[in-house]
Amino acid sequence: MIIKLSSLQRSDTMETKSARLTILIDPVKKEAFETLCAGQDLTPSQVVRQLIRDYLEHHGVTYDTKSQIGSKIRKKTA
């Protein structure tokens, strides 16, 4: 099944369009990654999007669609 994110209704603080990112990866690592994702009931796309958000945050990069809710919660508990 293919779902176009741009056709979904989303809040103003979340992405409203999607872009494709194509990577080359060793087939053995790809299979291991997909198996791990499935075992955690996550799609590989969900995990990669989270990895990208974490990487941007780690390096202090901000962007327009960044949710302010999660950062406020983290600051309160830190």
C-alpha atoms as a PDB file:
ATOM      1  CA  MET A   1       0.000   0.000   0.000  1.00  0.00           C
ATOM      2  CA  ILE A   2       1.267   3.481  -0.845  1.00  0.00           C
ATOM      3  CA  ILE A   3       0.072   6.497   1.121  1.00  0.00           C
ATOM      4  CA  LYS A   4       0.961   9.970  -0.091  1.00  0.00           C
ATOM      5  CA  LEU A   5       1.703  12.136   2.941  1.00  0.00           C
ATOM      6  CA  SER A   6       0.791  15.261   1.024  1.00  0.00           C
ATOM      7  CA  SER A   7      -2.813  14.022   0.838  1.00  0.00           C
ATOM      8  CA  LEU A   8      -3.160  13.602   4.605  1.00  0.00           C
ATOM      9  CA  GLN A   9      -4.557  16.320   6.836  1.00  0.00           C
ATOM     10  CA  ARG A  10      -1.842  17.439   9.242  1.00  0.00           C
ATOM     11  CA  SER A  11      -1.406  20.245  11.764  1.00  0.00           C
ATOM     12  CA  ASP A  12       0.474  23.438  10.906  1.00  0.00           C
ATOM     13  CA  THR A  13       3.538  22.331  12.911  1.00  0.00           C
ATOM     14  CA  MET A  14       4.026  19.089  10.987  1.00  0.00           C
ATOM     15  CA  GLU A  15       5.230  18.392   7.481  1.00  0.00           C
ATOM     16  CA  THR A  16       2.597  18.937   4.815  1.00  0.00           C
ATOM     17  CA  LYS A  17       4.549  17.555   1.850  1.00  0.00           C
ATOM     18  CA  SER A  18       6.939  14.690   1.453  1.00  0.00           C
ATOM     19  CA  ALA A  19      10.161  14.263  -0.497  1.00  0.00           C
ATOM     20  CA  ARG A  20      11.886  11.062  -1.477  1.00  0.00           C
ATOM     21  CA  LEU A  21      15.355  10.210  -0.156  1.00  0.00           C
ATOM     22  CA  THR A  22      17.082   7.351  -1.964  1.00  0.00           C
ATOM     23  CA  ILE A  23      20.033   5.618  -0.335  1.00  0.00           C
ATOM     24  CA  LEU A  24      22.232   2.689  -1.246  1.00  0.00           C
ATOM     25  CA  ILE A  25      22.708   0.131   1.512  1.00  0.00           C
ATOM     26  CA  ASP A  26      24.205  -3.329   1.780  1.00  0.00           C
ATOM     27  CA  PRO A  27      21.403  -5.885   1.210  1.00  0.00           C
ATOM     28  CA  VAL A  28      22.259  -7.794   4.401  1.00  0.00           C
ATOM     29  CA  LYS A  29      22.039  -4.624   6.521  1.00  0.00           C
ATOM     30  CA  LYS A  30      18.798  -3.666   4.762  1.00  0.00           C
ATOM     31  CA  GLU A  31      17.206  -6.981   5.629  1.00  0.00           C
ATOM     32  CA  ALA A  32      18.413  -6.789   9.242  1.00  0.00           C
ATOM     33  CA  PHE A  33      17.060  -3.215   9.502  1.00  0.00           C
ATOM     34  CA  GLU A  34      13.673  -4.170   8.056  1.00  0.00           C
ATOM     35  CA  THR A  35      13.443  -7.174  10.373  1.00  0.00           C
ATOM     36  CA  LEU A  36      14.269  -5.051  13.417  1.00  0.00           C
ATOM     37  CA  CYS A  37      11.734  -2.392  12.388  1.00  0.00           C
ATOM     38  CA  ALA A  38       9.024  -5.009  11.888  1.00  0.00           C
ATOM     39  CA  GLY A  39       9.788  -6.486  15.300  1.00  0.00           C
ATOM     40  CA  GLN A  40       9.223  -3.050  16.829  1.00  0.00           C
ATOM     41  CA  ASP A  41       6.017  -2.510  14.818  1.00  0.00           C
ATOM     42  CA  LEU A  42       7.601   0.425  12.975  1.00  0.00           C
ATOM     43  CA  THR A  43       8.141   1.038   9.304  1.00  0.00           C
ATOM     44  CA  PRO A  44      11.679   1.666   8.060  1.00  0.00           C
ATOM     45  CA  SER A  45      10.500   5.120   6.945  1.00  0.00           C
ATOM     46  CA  GLN A  46       9.361   5.987  10.480  1.00  0.00           C
ATOM     47  CA  VAL A  47      12.731   4.974  11.896  1.00  0.00           C
ATOM     48  CA  VAL A  48      14.714   6.871   9.252  1.00  0.00           C
ATOM     49  CA  ARG A  49      12.609  10.022   9.797  1.00  0.00           C
ATOM     50  CA  GLN A  50      13.279   9.794  13.552  1.00  0.00           C
ATOM     51  CA  LEU A  51      17.004   9.264  12.935  1.00  0.00           C
ATOM     52  CA  ILE A  52      17.072  12.383  10.754  1.00  0.00           C
ATOM     53  CA  ARG A  53      15.204  14.455  13.373  1.00  0.00           C
ATOM     54  CA  ASP A  54      17.605  13.258  16.086  1.00  0.00           C
ATOM     55  CA  TYR A  55      20.653  13.994  13.903  1.00  0.00           C
ATOM     56  CA  LEU A  56      19.442  17.512  13.126  1.00  0.00           C
ATOM     57  CA  GLU A  57      18.703  18.170  16.805  1.00  0.00           C
ATOM     58  CA  HIS A  58      22.092  16.790  17.865  1.00  0.00           C
ATOM     59  CA  HIS A  59      23.790  19.286  15.543  1.00  0.00           C
ATOM     60  CA  GLY A  60      21.581  22.209  16.551  1.00  0.00           C
ATOM     61  CA  VAL A  61      19.856  22.510  13.188  1.00  0.00           C
ATOM     62  CA  THR A  62      16.370  24.034  13.245  1.00  0.00           C
ATOM     63  CA  TYR A  63      13.731  23.832  10.543  1.00  0.00           C
ATOM     64  CA  ASP A  64      10.241  25.213   9.995  1.00  0.00           C
ATOM     65  CA  THR A  65       8.252  22.052  10.711  1.00  0.00           C
ATOM     66  CA  LYS A  66      10.076  21.175  13.951  1.00  0.00           C
ATOM     67  CA  SER A  67       7.570  20.473  16.698  1.00  0.00           C
ATOM     68  CA  GLN A  68       7.926  22.728  19.710  1.00  0.00           C
ATOM     69  CA  ILE A  69       5.908  20.355  21.916  1.00  0.00           C
ATOM     70  CA  GLY A  70       8.553  17.639  22.165  1.00  0.00           C
ATOM     71  CA  SER A  71      11.341  20.109  22.908  1.00  0.00           C
ATOM     72  CA  LYS A  72       9.338  21.697  25.748  1.00  0.00           C
ATOM     73  CA  ILE A  73       8.707  18.294  27.326  1.00  0.00           C
ATOM     74  CA  ARG A  74      12.389  17.335  27.088  1.00  0.00           C
ATOM     75  CA  LYS A  75      13.481  20.613  28.681  1.00  0.00           C
ATOM     76  CA  LYS A  76      11.134  20.124  31.636  1.00  0.00           C
ATOM     77  CA  THR A  77      12.407  16.603  32.351  1.00  0.00           C
ATOM     78  CA  ALA A  78      16.071  17.368  31.794  1.00  0.00           C
END
